[in-house]
Every structure is written in structure tokens, then in C-alpha cells.
Amino acid sequence: VQLQASGGGSVQAGDSLRLSCTASGRTFNNNVMGWLRQAPGKEREFVAGISQSGGSTDYADSVKGRFTISRDSARSIMYLEMNSLKPEGTAVYHCAAISSSWYSRDYRRPNAYEWWGQGTLVTVSS
């Protein structure tokens, strides 16, 4: 089970970034996937989640309307398109997978995820 996040970088407030998460096929197709982040000195928090089929998505209120999560099952890649970035978005972003049903909403709890990828750092300056 391997997940790898990439695409982070240093940007200005208002800019956009797209994060990618590559996964082994078995993990990717069978599990709900999510993006979570951890800012300096803060606890890890839920950012966005996507169901196994990609037909359902959910977002933290802080990113709703600015971030878009998607997945490409054929290529086993998940994306997080981040627009209108804010300085408070500075964090290490992780992709993760969870075997719970989408309807349990466990994906909103960072500690519920079973598989984690190495994070990618996003720095947003004002």
C-alpha cells in the first residue's frame, strides 16, 4: 500500500496549485480517499474527501468553493485543485485512504485513515 503526494510549493496569496496523489491500484479503487493537512503547531485536519466512485465529494468549510478534489481511477491518481489560496492554507498536505464506507463520514476524522502518503508542503505568503 503506497501513496505519494506531490505538487506543493511556495505561492502568493490568491494563487493556485494542484496537488497530486499517486496510489497503488488496489488501494485507490477500493477506498475512500482524502486530503488532510497539518499546519505548523496545529493538529492535522480534514480538507477534502472523495468516494470510491468519485461521485461524492465533501470539503471542510474553510476550503469549500475554492478547492476541488477529483480522482482518475484509470490512472490511480487523486488531485486537489486549490484556488484563491490564503496564508492560513500553509501546511503539509497529505493524501490518505480509508476503508470505511463513505456514508459513515469517517473520512472527516484524520485519525480514522489507515493509509497515508508522504506529505507535500504548501507555503502561501501574503
Protein backbone atom coordinates (compact mmCIF):
# COMPACT_ATOMS: atom_id res chain seq x y z
CA VAL A 1 0.00 0.00 0.00
CA GLN A 2 1.73 3.13 -1.19
CA LEU A 3 0.55 6.69 -1.56
CA GLN A 4 2.65 9.58 -2.77
CA ALA A 5 1.63 13.21 -2.70
CA SER A 6 3.30 15.85 -4.86
CA GLY A 7 2.76 19.31 -6.28
CA GLY A 8 3.37 21.51 -3.27
CA GLY A 9 5.34 24.71 -3.42
CA SER A 10 5.59 28.33 -2.37
CA VAL A 11 2.97 30.68 -3.76
CA GLN A 12 1.43 34.08 -3.13
CA ALA A 13 -2.00 34.59 -1.62
CA GLY A 14 -4.61 34.31 -4.35
CA ASP A 15 -2.56 31.90 -6.45
CA SER A 16 -3.48 28.34 -7.39
CA LEU A 17 -1.81 24.96 -7.02
CA ARG A 18 -2.74 21.43 -7.97
CA LEU A 19 -1.67 18.59 -5.74
CA SER A 20 -1.48 15.02 -7.00
CA CYS A 21 -1.55 11.71 -5.16
CA THR A 22 -0.49 8.52 -6.86
CA ALA A 23 -1.57 5.22 -5.35
CA SER A 24 -1.34 1.52 -5.86
CA GLY A 25 -4.37 0.33 -7.80
CA ARG A 26 -5.80 -1.89 -5.09
CA THR A 27 -5.77 0.91 -2.55
CA PHE A 28 -7.09 3.52 -4.86
CA ASN A 29 -10.06 1.77 -6.37
CA ASN A 30 -11.37 0.14 -3.21
CA ASN A 31 -11.19 3.01 -0.77
CA VAL A 32 -12.48 6.41 0.06
CA MET A 33 -9.66 8.89 -0.38
CA GLY A 34 -8.96 12.17 1.33
CA TRP A 35 -6.68 15.15 1.59
CA LEU A 36 -5.66 16.28 5.06
CA ARG A 37 -3.27 18.98 6.18
CA GLN A 38 -1.21 19.92 9.18
CA ALA A 39 -0.17 23.49 9.76
CA PRO A 40 2.79 24.35 11.97
CA GLY A 41 1.85 23.94 15.62
CA LYS A 42 -1.63 22.66 14.82
CA GLU A 43 -3.36 19.33 14.69
CA ARG A 44 -3.93 17.52 11.44
CA GLU A 45 -7.27 18.47 9.87
CA PHE A 46 -9.59 17.22 7.17
CA VAL A 47 -9.55 19.16 3.90
CA ALA A 48 -11.49 17.12 1.33
CA GLY A 49 -12.76 13.62 0.72
CA ILE A 50 -13.94 11.67 -2.31
CA SER A 51 -15.90 8.44 -2.55
CA GLN A 52 -14.64 5.29 -4.26
CA SER A 53 -16.50 6.11 -7.46
CA GLY A 54 -15.69 9.78 -7.37
CA GLY A 55 -19.37 10.58 -7.45
CA SER A 56 -19.45 12.11 -3.98
CA THR A 57 -17.17 14.74 -2.51
CA ASP A 58 -17.01 16.66 0.73
CA TYR A 59 -15.00 19.65 1.91
CA ALA A 60 -14.04 21.41 5.07
CA ASP A 61 -15.89 24.69 5.38
CA SER A 62 -12.59 26.57 5.24
CA VAL A 63 -11.90 25.43 1.67
CA LYS A 64 -15.38 24.95 0.24
CA GLY A 65 -15.79 26.82 -3.03
CA ARG A 66 -12.03 27.21 -3.51
CA PHE A 67 -10.71 23.63 -3.54
CA THR A 68 -11.79 20.76 -5.78
CA ILE A 69 -10.98 17.10 -5.18
CA SER A 70 -11.11 14.59 -8.02
CA ARG A 71 -9.81 11.16 -8.90
CA ASP A 72 -8.77 9.37 -12.07
CA SER A 73 -9.40 5.69 -11.46
CA ALA A 74 -7.79 4.60 -14.72
CA ARG A 75 -4.51 6.20 -13.70
CA SER A 76 -4.89 5.74 -9.93
CA ILE A 77 -4.31 9.44 -9.28
CA MET A 78 -6.19 11.80 -7.00
CA TYR A 79 -6.00 15.56 -7.33
CA LEU A 80 -6.63 18.59 -5.19
CA GLU A 81 -7.09 21.75 -7.18
CA MET A 82 -6.54 24.70 -4.84
CA ASN A 83 -7.59 28.17 -5.93
CA SER A 84 -7.55 31.51 -4.15
CA LEU A 85 -5.01 30.24 -1.67
CA LYS A 86 -4.76 32.01 1.66
CA PRO A 87 -1.81 32.28 4.08
CA GLU A 88 -3.70 30.10 6.56
CA GLY A 89 -3.52 27.35 3.97
CA THR A 90 0.20 26.95 4.69
CA ALA A 91 0.61 23.34 5.76
CA VAL A 92 1.92 19.93 4.89
CA TYR A 93 -0.77 18.29 2.78
CA HIS A 94 -1.21 14.53 2.95
CA CYS A 95 -3.26 12.16 0.86
CA ALA A 96 -4.74 9.18 2.65
CA ALA A 97 -7.08 6.26 2.19
CA ILE A 98 -9.75 4.76 4.43
CA SER A 99 -11.69 1.54 4.13
CA SER A 100 -14.81 2.82 5.88
CA SER A 101 -17.97 3.40 3.91
CA TRP A 102 -18.42 6.88 2.50
CA TYR A 103 -21.72 7.13 4.35
CA SER A 104 -20.05 6.66 7.74
CA ARG A 105 -18.35 10.05 7.22
CA ASP A 106 -15.27 8.63 8.94
CA TYR A 107 -13.21 10.32 6.22
CA ARG A 108 -13.69 13.61 8.10
CA ARG A 109 -11.66 12.23 11.03
CA PRO A 110 -7.90 12.29 10.35
CA ASN A 111 -7.22 9.54 12.89
CA ALA A 112 -9.56 7.17 11.04
CA TYR A 113 -7.39 6.92 7.94
CA GLU A 114 -5.48 3.69 7.55
CA TRP A 115 -3.01 4.51 4.79
CA TRP A 116 -1.03 7.71 4.45
CA GLY A 117 1.24 9.16 1.86
CA GLN A 118 4.26 11.31 2.42
CA GLY A 119 3.13 14.92 2.65
CA THR A 120 3.86 17.79 0.35
CA LEU A 121 4.48 21.28 1.72
CA VAL A 122 2.37 24.21 0.59
CA THR A 123 3.51 27.67 1.67
CA VAL A 124 1.26 30.64 1.00
CA SER A 125 2.68 34.08 1.62
CA SER A 126 0.69 37.29 1.89
